[in-house]
Amino acid sequence: MKINKLYLIISIINCTFGFAQNSIGSKINTKINNDFISSIKSFVGKLNPEEYKETRKEILKELKVEIPEEKAILIHFYQYGVNCYEYGLKERNALGVIQNTIKISSKISKENNTIDFFIYTSNALHKERIQDKNIFILDSGFFEKNIFTLKENCRAFFILKTNGEFMKYYGSDYFTEVSNFLKKQ
């Protein structure tokens, strides 16, 4: 019964609205073009209280943390994706983008009673830029398998608010979406 509940929760979060995953080739698109724009996807929904409780419990168990019930969760996710604007940046500029992402996320999280996490996969593009930063956590496969199932874009985020509302977004430069969703009552 517990496995069925978890499967249901994961299915809800996955929001498989008929989008097929791209087959991953060796060429990375670093341009803001039609392919890149097509890779930007947003999913929103609301979990019932039981689903919320189980989902939150599983996420916190995976992250090996305890956070107060009144805090929302924001997960930034770095993965391999065939569309990745940041992949084309020079090292110095890319590191600046990473630092700005951490800084902006911290500010938005503080303003919106949220705890933020930065997760990356073992095959994330240019993972050497992030793997040695203490704030980044290597995914065991849990987030890639259960939440971030599309591989069209190298960046994504997931927000789980305390009322059960969630948002999953694939794409870069997404802080307007993060801020607006967290502020929405």
N, C-alpha and C. Protein backbone atom coordinates (compact mmCIF):
# COMPACT_ATOMS: atom_id res chain seq x y z
N MET A 1 0.83 -1.20 0.00
CA MET A 1 0.00 0.00 0.00
C MET A 1 0.87 1.26 0.00
N LYS A 2 1.93 1.26 0.85
CA LYS A 2 2.80 2.41 0.93
C LYS A 2 3.52 2.65 -0.39
N ILE A 3 3.93 1.57 -1.06
CA ILE A 3 4.61 1.69 -2.36
C ILE A 3 3.65 2.27 -3.38
N ASN A 4 2.38 1.84 -3.35
CA ASN A 4 1.39 2.39 -4.29
C ASN A 4 1.18 3.88 -4.07
N LYS A 5 1.15 4.31 -2.81
CA LYS A 5 1.01 5.74 -2.52
C LYS A 5 2.19 6.52 -3.05
N LEU A 6 3.40 6.00 -2.82
CA LEU A 6 4.60 6.68 -3.30
C LEU A 6 4.59 6.74 -4.82
N TYR A 7 4.20 5.65 -5.48
CA TYR A 7 4.12 5.64 -6.94
C TYR A 7 3.13 6.70 -7.43
N LEU A 8 1.99 6.81 -6.75
CA LEU A 8 0.99 7.81 -7.12
C LEU A 8 1.56 9.21 -6.98
N ILE A 9 2.22 9.47 -5.88
CA ILE A 9 2.80 10.79 -5.65
C ILE A 9 3.84 11.12 -6.71
N ILE A 10 4.70 10.17 -6.99
CA ILE A 10 5.74 10.40 -8.00
C ILE A 10 5.10 10.63 -9.36
N SER A 11 4.05 9.89 -9.67
CA SER A 11 3.35 10.08 -10.95
C SER A 11 2.76 11.47 -11.05
N ILE A 12 2.21 11.95 -9.95
CA ILE A 12 1.63 13.30 -9.96
C ILE A 12 2.72 14.33 -10.20
N ILE A 13 3.83 14.20 -9.50
CA ILE A 13 4.92 15.16 -9.64
C ILE A 13 5.51 15.11 -11.04
N ASN A 14 5.61 13.93 -11.62
CA ASN A 14 6.20 13.80 -12.95
C ASN A 14 5.40 14.54 -14.01
N CYS A 15 4.11 14.70 -13.79
CA CYS A 15 3.27 15.45 -14.74
C CYS A 15 3.54 15.03 -16.18
N THR A 16 3.38 13.82 -16.46
CA THR A 16 3.67 13.33 -17.81
C THR A 16 2.50 13.66 -18.72
N PHE A 17 2.48 14.86 -19.21
CA PHE A 17 1.42 15.33 -20.08
C PHE A 17 1.70 15.01 -21.53
N GLY A 18 2.28 13.86 -21.81
CA GLY A 18 2.49 13.44 -23.18
C GLY A 18 3.74 14.01 -23.83
N PHE A 19 4.64 14.59 -23.07
CA PHE A 19 5.87 15.10 -23.66
C PHE A 19 6.87 13.96 -23.77
N ALA A 20 7.39 13.77 -24.97
CA ALA A 20 8.40 12.73 -25.18
C ALA A 20 9.77 13.29 -24.84
N GLN A 21 10.60 12.47 -24.27
CA GLN A 21 11.96 12.90 -24.00
C GLN A 21 12.75 12.85 -25.30
N ASN A 22 13.57 13.86 -25.50
CA ASN A 22 14.45 13.85 -26.68
C ASN A 22 15.49 12.77 -26.51
N SER A 23 15.87 12.18 -27.62
CA SER A 23 17.02 11.29 -27.53
C SER A 23 18.25 12.19 -27.40
N ILE A 24 19.14 11.82 -26.52
CA ILE A 24 20.26 12.69 -26.22
C ILE A 24 21.40 12.41 -27.19
N GLY A 25 21.74 13.43 -27.94
CA GLY A 25 22.85 13.34 -28.88
C GLY A 25 24.08 13.98 -28.28
N SER A 26 25.14 14.04 -29.04
CA SER A 26 26.38 14.58 -28.50
C SER A 26 26.48 16.08 -28.68
N LYS A 27 25.65 16.68 -29.52
CA LYS A 27 25.74 18.12 -29.76
C LYS A 27 24.83 18.87 -28.78
N ILE A 28 25.40 19.88 -28.15
CA ILE A 28 24.67 20.68 -27.18
C ILE A 28 24.28 22.00 -27.84
N ASN A 29 23.01 22.34 -27.78
CA ASN A 29 22.52 23.60 -28.30
C ASN A 29 22.73 24.69 -27.24
N THR A 30 23.55 25.69 -27.54
CA THR A 30 23.82 26.78 -26.60
C THR A 30 23.18 28.09 -27.04
N LYS A 31 22.38 28.05 -28.06
CA LYS A 31 21.73 29.25 -28.60
C LYS A 31 20.29 29.34 -28.11
N ILE A 32 19.82 30.57 -27.94
CA ILE A 32 18.41 30.77 -27.62
C ILE A 32 17.67 30.76 -28.96
N ASN A 33 17.26 29.59 -29.39
CA ASN A 33 16.57 29.42 -30.67
C ASN A 33 15.29 28.61 -30.43
N ASN A 34 14.64 28.19 -31.51
CA ASN A 34 13.38 27.45 -31.36
C ASN A 34 13.55 26.16 -30.56
N ASP A 35 14.65 25.45 -30.78
CA ASP A 35 14.88 24.21 -30.02
C ASP A 35 15.00 24.51 -28.53
N PHE A 36 15.76 25.55 -28.20
CA PHE A 36 15.93 25.91 -26.80
C PHE A 36 14.58 26.32 -26.19
N ILE A 37 13.87 27.18 -26.89
CA ILE A 37 12.57 27.66 -26.39
C ILE A 37 11.61 26.49 -26.20
N SER A 38 11.64 25.52 -27.11
CA SER A 38 10.78 24.34 -26.99
C SER A 38 11.14 23.48 -25.78
N SER A 39 12.37 23.59 -25.32
CA SER A 39 12.80 22.78 -24.17
C SER A 39 12.36 23.39 -22.84
N ILE A 40 11.89 24.61 -22.85
CA ILE A 40 11.42 25.27 -21.63
C ILE A 40 10.00 24.78 -21.34
N LYS A 41 9.83 24.18 -20.18
CA LYS A 41 8.53 23.63 -19.81
C LYS A 41 8.24 23.95 -18.35
N SER A 42 6.97 24.15 -18.06
CA SER A 42 6.56 24.46 -16.70
C SER A 42 5.35 23.62 -16.34
N PHE A 43 5.38 23.04 -15.14
CA PHE A 43 4.27 22.23 -14.64
C PHE A 43 3.90 22.72 -13.25
N VAL A 44 2.63 22.91 -13.01
CA VAL A 44 2.16 23.31 -11.68
C VAL A 44 1.03 22.39 -11.25
N GLY A 45 0.85 22.28 -9.96
CA GLY A 45 -0.23 21.46 -9.44
C GLY A 45 -0.32 21.60 -7.94
N LYS A 46 -1.21 20.81 -7.36
CA LYS A 46 -1.36 20.83 -5.90
C LYS A 46 -1.59 19.41 -5.41
N LEU A 47 -0.79 19.02 -4.43
CA LEU A 47 -0.91 17.71 -3.81
C LEU A 47 -1.92 17.78 -2.67
N ASN A 48 -2.66 16.70 -2.45
CA ASN A 48 -3.55 16.69 -1.29
C ASN A 48 -2.67 16.55 -0.04
N PRO A 49 -3.23 16.78 1.15
CA PRO A 49 -2.40 16.77 2.37
C PRO A 49 -1.58 15.49 2.57
N GLU A 50 -2.15 14.33 2.27
CA GLU A 50 -1.42 13.08 2.45
C GLU A 50 -0.27 12.97 1.44
N GLU A 51 -0.52 13.33 0.19
CA GLU A 51 0.52 13.30 -0.84
C GLU A 51 1.64 14.29 -0.51
N TYR A 52 1.24 15.47 -0.05
CA TYR A 52 2.22 16.48 0.32
C TYR A 52 3.15 15.96 1.43
N LYS A 53 2.54 15.40 2.47
CA LYS A 53 3.31 14.92 3.61
C LYS A 53 4.30 13.84 3.17
N GLU A 54 3.85 12.89 2.35
CA GLU A 54 4.71 11.80 1.90
C GLU A 54 5.81 12.31 0.97
N THR A 55 5.46 13.22 0.06
CA THR A 55 6.44 13.76 -0.88
C THR A 55 7.52 14.54 -0.13
N ARG A 56 7.11 15.39 0.77
CA ARG A 56 8.06 16.18 1.56
C ARG A 56 8.98 15.26 2.37
N LYS A 57 8.38 14.24 2.98
CA LYS A 57 9.15 13.29 3.78
C LYS A 57 10.22 12.61 2.92
N GLU A 58 9.86 12.17 1.73
CA GLU A 58 10.81 11.49 0.84
C GLU A 58 11.93 12.43 0.38
N ILE A 59 11.57 13.67 0.07
CA ILE A 59 12.58 14.65 -0.36
C ILE A 59 13.57 14.93 0.77
N LEU A 60 13.05 15.18 1.97
CA LEU A 60 13.92 15.48 3.10
C LEU A 60 14.78 14.27 3.49
N LYS A 61 14.20 13.08 3.37
CA LYS A 61 14.97 11.86 3.63
C LYS A 61 16.13 11.75 2.64
N GLU A 62 15.86 12.03 1.38
CA GLU A 62 16.90 11.96 0.36
C GLU A 62 17.98 13.01 0.60
N LEU A 63 17.57 14.21 1.02
CA LEU A 63 18.52 15.29 1.28
C LEU A 63 19.22 15.14 2.63
N LYS A 64 18.73 14.23 3.45
CA LYS A 64 19.28 13.99 4.79
C LYS A 64 19.26 15.26 5.64
N VAL A 65 18.10 15.93 5.62
CA VAL A 65 17.94 17.15 6.40
C VAL A 65 16.57 17.15 7.07
N GLU A 66 16.45 17.98 8.07
CA GLU A 66 15.16 18.29 8.67
C GLU A 66 14.98 19.78 8.52
N ILE A 67 13.82 20.19 8.06
CA ILE A 67 13.53 21.62 7.98
C ILE A 67 12.16 21.86 8.59
N PRO A 68 11.95 23.04 9.16
CA PRO A 68 10.67 23.34 9.80
C PRO A 68 9.50 23.19 8.83
N GLU A 69 8.38 22.75 9.36
CA GLU A 69 7.17 22.53 8.56
C GLU A 69 6.71 23.77 7.81
N GLU A 70 6.99 24.94 8.36
CA GLU A 70 6.50 26.18 7.73
C GLU A 70 7.37 26.66 6.58
N LYS A 71 8.41 25.93 6.27
CA LYS A 71 9.33 26.32 5.18
C LYS A 71 8.99 25.57 3.90
N ALA A 72 8.97 26.31 2.79
CA ALA A 72 8.84 25.70 1.47
C ALA A 72 10.20 25.16 1.04
N ILE A 73 10.20 24.31 0.03
CA ILE A 73 11.43 23.70 -0.48
C ILE A 73 11.64 24.14 -1.93
N LEU A 74 12.85 24.59 -2.24
CA LEU A 74 13.24 24.96 -3.60
C LEU A 74 14.47 24.14 -3.97
N ILE A 75 14.35 23.38 -5.05
CA ILE A 75 15.47 22.56 -5.51
C ILE A 75 15.90 23.05 -6.88
N HIS A 76 17.15 23.46 -6.98
CA HIS A 76 17.76 23.81 -8.27
C HIS A 76 18.43 22.54 -8.77
N PHE A 77 18.23 22.22 -10.04
CA PHE A 77 18.73 20.95 -10.57
C PHE A 77 19.57 21.17 -11.80
N TYR A 78 20.78 20.61 -11.79
CA TYR A 78 21.72 20.69 -12.90
C TYR A 78 21.89 19.27 -13.45
N GLN A 79 21.69 19.12 -14.76
CA GLN A 79 21.76 17.80 -15.38
C GLN A 79 22.30 17.90 -16.80
N TYR A 80 22.45 16.75 -17.44
CA TYR A 80 22.77 16.74 -18.86
C TYR A 80 21.48 17.06 -19.60
N GLY A 81 21.56 18.00 -20.53
CA GLY A 81 20.43 18.33 -21.38
C GLY A 81 20.95 18.84 -22.71
N VAL A 82 20.26 18.52 -23.78
CA VAL A 82 20.75 18.89 -25.11
C VAL A 82 20.61 20.39 -25.37
N ASN A 83 19.85 21.09 -24.55
CA ASN A 83 19.73 22.54 -24.64
C ASN A 83 20.30 23.14 -23.36
N CYS A 84 21.38 23.92 -23.53
CA CYS A 84 22.05 24.45 -22.34
C CYS A 84 22.80 25.73 -22.71
N TYR A 85 22.16 26.85 -22.47
CA TYR A 85 22.77 28.14 -22.78
C TYR A 85 24.10 28.30 -22.04
N GLU A 86 24.12 27.94 -20.77
CA GLU A 86 25.31 28.12 -19.94
C GLU A 86 26.51 27.31 -20.44
N TYR A 87 26.27 26.22 -21.13
CA TYR A 87 27.35 25.36 -21.62
C TYR A 87 28.26 26.12 -22.58
N GLY A 88 27.71 27.11 -23.27
CA GLY A 88 28.49 27.88 -24.23
C GLY A 88 29.26 29.04 -23.62
N LEU A 89 29.07 29.29 -22.32
CA LEU A 89 29.76 30.41 -21.67
C LEU A 89 31.22 30.07 -21.38
N LYS A 90 32.05 31.09 -21.43
CA LYS A 90 33.45 30.91 -21.01
C LYS A 90 33.47 30.64 -19.51
N GLU A 91 34.52 29.97 -19.07
CA GLU A 91 34.65 29.55 -17.68
C GLU A 91 34.35 30.67 -16.68
N ARG A 92 34.96 31.80 -16.87
CA ARG A 92 34.79 32.93 -15.93
C ARG A 92 33.34 33.38 -15.88
N ASN A 93 32.71 33.52 -17.04
CA ASN A 93 31.31 33.95 -17.08
C ASN A 93 30.39 32.90 -16.47
N ALA A 94 30.68 31.63 -16.75
CA ALA A 94 29.86 30.55 -16.20
C ALA A 94 29.94 30.53 -14.68
N LEU A 95 31.13 30.71 -14.14
CA LEU A 95 31.29 30.74 -12.68
C LEU A 95 30.54 31.93 -12.08
N GLY A 96 30.53 33.04 -12.79
CA GLY A 96 29.77 34.21 -12.36
C GLY A 96 28.27 33.92 -12.33
N VAL A 97 27.78 33.22 -13.34
CA VAL A 97 26.36 32.84 -13.39
C VAL A 97 26.02 31.93 -12.20
N ILE A 98 26.89 30.99 -11.91
CA ILE A 98 26.65 30.07 -10.78
C ILE A 98 26.60 30.85 -9.47
N GLN A 99 27.56 31.75 -9.26
CA GLN A 99 27.57 32.56 -8.03
C GLN A 99 26.32 33.43 -7.93
N ASN A 100 25.92 34.05 -9.03
CA ASN A 100 24.70 34.87 -9.03
C ASN A 100 23.47 34.03 -8.74
N THR A 101 23.43 32.82 -9.29
CA THR A 101 22.30 31.93 -9.03
C THR A 101 22.19 31.63 -7.54
N ILE A 102 23.30 31.32 -6.92
CA ILE A 102 23.31 31.03 -5.48
C ILE A 102 22.86 32.26 -4.69
N LYS A 103 23.39 33.41 -5.04
CA LYS A 103 23.07 34.66 -4.33
C LYS A 103 21.59 35.03 -4.48
N ILE A 104 21.08 34.99 -5.70
CA ILE A 104 19.68 35.35 -5.95
C ILE A 104 18.75 34.36 -5.27
N SER A 105 19.07 33.08 -5.36
CA SER A 105 18.25 32.06 -4.73
C SER A 105 18.18 32.26 -3.22
N SER A 106 19.31 32.56 -2.62
CA SER A 106 19.37 32.80 -1.18
C SER A 106 18.47 33.97 -0.79
N LYS A 107 18.54 35.04 -1.56
CA LYS A 107 17.73 36.23 -1.28
C LYS A 107 16.24 35.93 -1.41
N ILE A 108 15.85 35.30 -2.52
CA ILE A 108 14.44 34.98 -2.75
C ILE A 108 13.94 34.00 -1.68
N SER A 109 14.76 33.02 -1.35
CA SER A 109 14.37 32.03 -0.34
C SER A 109 14.15 32.69 1.01
N LYS A 110 15.05 33.57 1.39
CA LYS A 110 14.92 34.27 2.68
C LYS A 110 13.64 35.11 2.71
N GLU A 111 13.35 35.79 1.62
CA GLU A 111 12.16 36.65 1.54
C GLU A 111 10.86 35.86 1.54
N ASN A 112 10.91 34.57 1.17
CA ASN A 112 9.70 33.78 1.00
C ASN A 112 9.63 32.54 1.88
N ASN A 113 10.36 32.55 3.00
CA ASN A 113 10.30 31.46 3.97
C ASN A 113 10.55 30.09 3.32
N THR A 114 11.62 30.03 2.57
CA THR A 114 11.95 28.85 1.76
C THR A 114 13.39 28.42 2.02
N ILE A 115 13.63 27.13 1.95
CA ILE A 115 14.98 26.58 2.03
C ILE A 115 15.35 26.11 0.63
N ASP A 116 16.52 26.53 0.15
CA ASP A 116 16.94 26.14 -1.20
C ASP A 116 18.06 25.12 -1.17
N PHE A 117 18.05 24.27 -2.19
CA PHE A 117 19.06 23.23 -2.36
C PHE A 117 19.53 23.24 -3.80
N PHE A 118 20.78 22.85 -3.99
CA PHE A 118 21.38 22.77 -5.33
C PHE A 118 21.84 21.33 -5.54
N ILE A 119 21.23 20.67 -6.52
CA ILE A 119 21.49 19.26 -6.79
C ILE A 119 22.03 19.14 -8.21
N TYR A 120 22.98 18.23 -8.41
CA TYR A 120 23.48 17.97 -9.77
C TYR A 120 23.62 16.48 -9.99
N THR A 121 23.52 16.08 -11.25
CA THR A 121 23.67 14.67 -11.61
C THR A 121 25.12 14.36 -11.95
N SER A 122 25.45 13.09 -11.96
CA SER A 122 26.83 12.69 -12.26
C SER A 122 27.21 13.02 -13.70
N ASN A 123 26.22 13.21 -14.58
CA ASN A 123 26.52 13.54 -15.97
C ASN A 123 26.13 14.98 -16.33
N ALA A 124 26.01 15.84 -15.32
CA ALA A 124 25.69 17.25 -15.57
C ALA A 124 26.78 17.88 -16.43
N LEU A 125 26.36 18.77 -17.31
CA LEU A 125 27.32 19.46 -18.17
C LEU A 125 28.24 20.34 -17.33
N HIS A 126 29.51 20.30 -17.61
CA HIS A 126 30.53 21.07 -16.88
C HIS A 126 30.38 20.92 -15.36
N LYS A 127 30.17 19.71 -14.91
CA LYS A 127 29.98 19.50 -13.47
C LYS A 127 31.21 19.90 -12.65
N GLU A 128 32.36 19.98 -13.30
CA GLU A 128 33.57 20.40 -12.59
C GLU A 128 33.43 21.83 -12.06
N ARG A 129 32.51 22.59 -12.63
CA ARG A 129 32.29 23.97 -12.16
C ARG A 129 31.50 24.01 -10.86
N ILE A 130 30.80 22.93 -10.54
CA ILE A 130 29.93 22.95 -9.37
C ILE A 130 30.24 21.88 -8.32
N GLN A 131 30.86 20.79 -8.72
CA GLN A 131 30.98 19.64 -7.82
C GLN A 131 31.83 19.92 -6.58
N ASP A 132 32.74 20.88 -6.64
CA ASP A 132 33.58 21.17 -5.48
C ASP A 132 33.01 22.27 -4.58
N LYS A 133 31.88 22.82 -4.98
CA LYS A 133 31.24 23.84 -4.14
C LYS A 133 30.40 23.11 -3.09
N ASN A 134 30.58 23.48 -1.84
CA ASN A 134 29.91 22.79 -0.73
C ASN A 134 28.39 22.82 -0.83
N ILE A 135 27.85 23.83 -1.47
CA ILE A 135 26.40 23.97 -1.54
C ILE A 135 25.75 22.97 -2.49
N PHE A 136 26.52 22.41 -3.42
CA PHE A 136 25.97 21.47 -4.41
C PHE A 136 26.04 20.03 -3.89
N ILE A 137 24.95 19.31 -4.11
CA ILE A 137 24.81 17.93 -3.66
C ILE A 137 24.67 17.03 -4.89
N LEU A 138 25.46 15.97 -4.94
CA LEU A 138 25.37 15.01 -6.03
C LEU A 138 24.11 14.16 -5.85
N ASP A 139 23.28 14.11 -6.88
CA ASP A 139 22.05 13.33 -6.84
C ASP A 139 22.37 11.84 -6.82
N SER A 140 21.71 11.11 -5.96
CA SER A 140 21.87 9.66 -5.90
C SER A 140 21.11 8.98 -7.03
N GLY A 141 20.32 9.75 -7.74
CA GLY A 141 19.43 9.23 -8.77
C GLY A 141 17.97 9.46 -8.40
N PHE A 142 17.72 9.77 -7.14
CA PHE A 142 16.35 9.99 -6.66
C PHE A 142 15.66 11.12 -7.40
N PHE A 143 16.30 12.29 -7.47
CA PHE A 143 15.66 13.45 -8.10
C PHE A 143 15.54 13.27 -9.61
N GLU A 144 16.58 12.72 -10.22
CA GLU A 144 16.55 12.49 -11.67
C GLU A 144 15.45 11.49 -12.05
N LYS A 145 15.27 10.48 -11.24
CA LYS A 145 14.29 9.43 -11.54
C LYS A 145 12.86 9.84 -11.18
N ASN A 146 12.69 10.58 -10.10
CA ASN A 146 11.36 10.84 -9.57
C ASN A 146 10.79 12.23 -9.84
N ILE A 147 11.64 13.22 -10.03
CA ILE A 147 11.12 14.58 -10.20
C ILE A 147 11.53 15.18 -11.53
N PHE A 148 12.81 15.17 -11.84
CA PHE A 148 13.32 15.82 -13.06
C PHE A 148 13.54 14.78 -14.16
N THR A 149 12.46 14.35 -14.78
CA THR A 149 12.52 13.23 -15.72
C THR A 149 12.77 13.65 -17.16
N LEU A 150 12.58 14.90 -17.49
CA LEU A 150 12.86 15.37 -18.85
C LEU A 150 14.32 15.76 -18.96
N LYS A 151 14.93 15.48 -20.08
CA LYS A 151 16.36 15.74 -20.27
C LYS A 151 16.61 16.73 -21.40
N GLU A 152 15.64 17.54 -21.72
CA GLU A 152 15.77 18.47 -22.84
C GLU A 152 16.58 19.72 -22.48
N ASN A 153 16.63 20.06 -21.20
CA ASN A 153 17.31 21.27 -20.76
C ASN A 153 18.23 20.92 -19.59
N CYS A 154 19.36 21.61 -19.50
CA CYS A 154 20.35 21.27 -18.46
C CYS A 154 20.03 21.86 -17.09
N ARG A 155 19.05 22.74 -17.01
CA ARG A 155 18.71 23.36 -15.73
C ARG A 155 17.22 23.20 -15.47
N ALA A 156 16.88 23.12 -14.20
CA ALA A 156 15.48 23.00 -13.81
C ALA A 156 15.35 23.41 -12.34
N PHE A 157 14.12 23.61 -11.92
CA PHE A 157 13.87 23.79 -10.49
C PHE A 157 12.55 23.14 -10.13
N PHE A 158 12.40 22.86 -8.83
CA PHE A 158 11.17 22.31 -8.28
C PHE A 158 10.90 23.04 -6.98
N ILE A 159 9.66 23.50 -6.82
CA ILE A 159 9.25 24.16 -5.58
C ILE A 159 8.09 23.36 -4.99
N LEU A 160 8.16 23.09 -3.70
CA LEU A 160 7.06 22.48 -2.97
C LEU A 160 6.69 23.42 -1.84
N LYS A 161 5.52 24.04 -1.97
CA LYS A 161 5.06 24.98 -0.94
C LYS A 161 4.36 24.21 0.17
N THR A 162 4.22 24.85 1.31
CA THR A 162 3.65 24.19 2.49
C THR A 162 2.17 23.87 2.34
N ASN A 163 1.49 24.50 1.40
CA ASN A 163 0.07 24.20 1.17
C ASN A 163 -0.12 23.08 0.14
N GLY A 164 0.99 22.47 -0.31
CA GLY A 164 0.91 21.37 -1.27
C GLY A 164 1.07 21.79 -2.72
N GLU A 165 1.06 23.09 -2.98
CA GLU A 165 1.25 23.54 -4.36
C GLU A 165 2.70 23.28 -4.76
N PHE A 166 2.88 22.89 -6.03
CA PHE A 166 4.24 22.67 -6.52
C PHE A 166 4.38 23.25 -7.92
N MET A 167 5.62 23.52 -8.27
CA MET A 167 5.96 23.96 -9.62
C MET A 167 7.27 23.30 -10.00
N LYS A 168 7.28 22.76 -11.22
CA LYS A 168 8.50 22.20 -11.79
C LYS A 168 8.73 22.94 -13.10
N TYR A 169 9.95 23.39 -13.30
CA TYR A 169 10.28 24.22 -14.47
C TYR A 169 11.61 23.77 -15.04
N TYR A 170 11.63 23.58 -16.36
CA TYR A 170 12.87 23.25 -17.08
C TYR A 170 13.27 24.47 -17.89
N GLY A 171 14.48 24.96 -17.70
CA GLY A 171 14.98 26.10 -18.44
C GLY A 171 15.96 26.89 -17.59
N SER A 172 16.54 27.92 -18.17
CA SER A 172 17.51 28.76 -17.48
C SER A 172 16.89 30.11 -17.17
N ASP A 173 17.59 30.90 -16.38
CA ASP A 173 17.18 32.27 -16.07
C ASP A 173 15.72 32.30 -15.61
N TYR A 174 15.45 31.60 -14.54
CA TYR A 174 14.07 31.34 -14.13
C TYR A 174 13.64 32.03 -12.84
N PHE A 175 14.40 33.00 -12.36
CA PHE A 175 14.08 33.55 -11.05
C PHE A 175 12.80 34.36 -10.99
N THR A 176 12.34 34.89 -12.10
CA THR A 176 11.04 35.55 -12.11
C THR A 176 9.95 34.53 -11.79
N GLU A 177 10.04 33.34 -12.41
CA GLU A 177 9.06 32.29 -12.16
C GLU A 177 9.12 31.82 -10.71
N VAL A 178 10.33 31.65 -10.18
CA VAL A 178 10.50 31.23 -8.78
C VAL A 178 9.85 32.24 -7.85
N SER A 179 10.21 33.49 -8.01
CA SER A 179 9.70 34.55 -7.14
C SER A 179 8.18 34.67 -7.22
N ASN A 180 7.66 34.70 -8.43
CA ASN A 180 6.20 34.84 -8.60
C ASN A 180 5.45 33.67 -7.98
N PHE A 181 5.94 32.47 -8.16
CA PHE A 181 5.26 31.30 -7.61
C PHE A 181 5.31 31.30 -6.09
N LEU A 182 6.44 31.64 -5.52
CA LEU A 182 6.55 31.66 -4.06
C LEU A 182 5.69 32.76 -3.43
N LYS A 183 5.54 33.88 -4.12
CA LYS A 183 4.75 34.99 -3.58
C LYS A 183 3.25 34.77 -3.74
N LYS A 184 2.86 33.93 -4.70
CA LYS A 184 1.44 33.67 -4.96
C LYS A 184 0.80 33.00 -3.75
N GLN A 185 -0.30 33.54 -3.31
CA GLN A 185 -1.01 32.97 -2.15
C GLN A 185 -1.93 31.87 -2.53
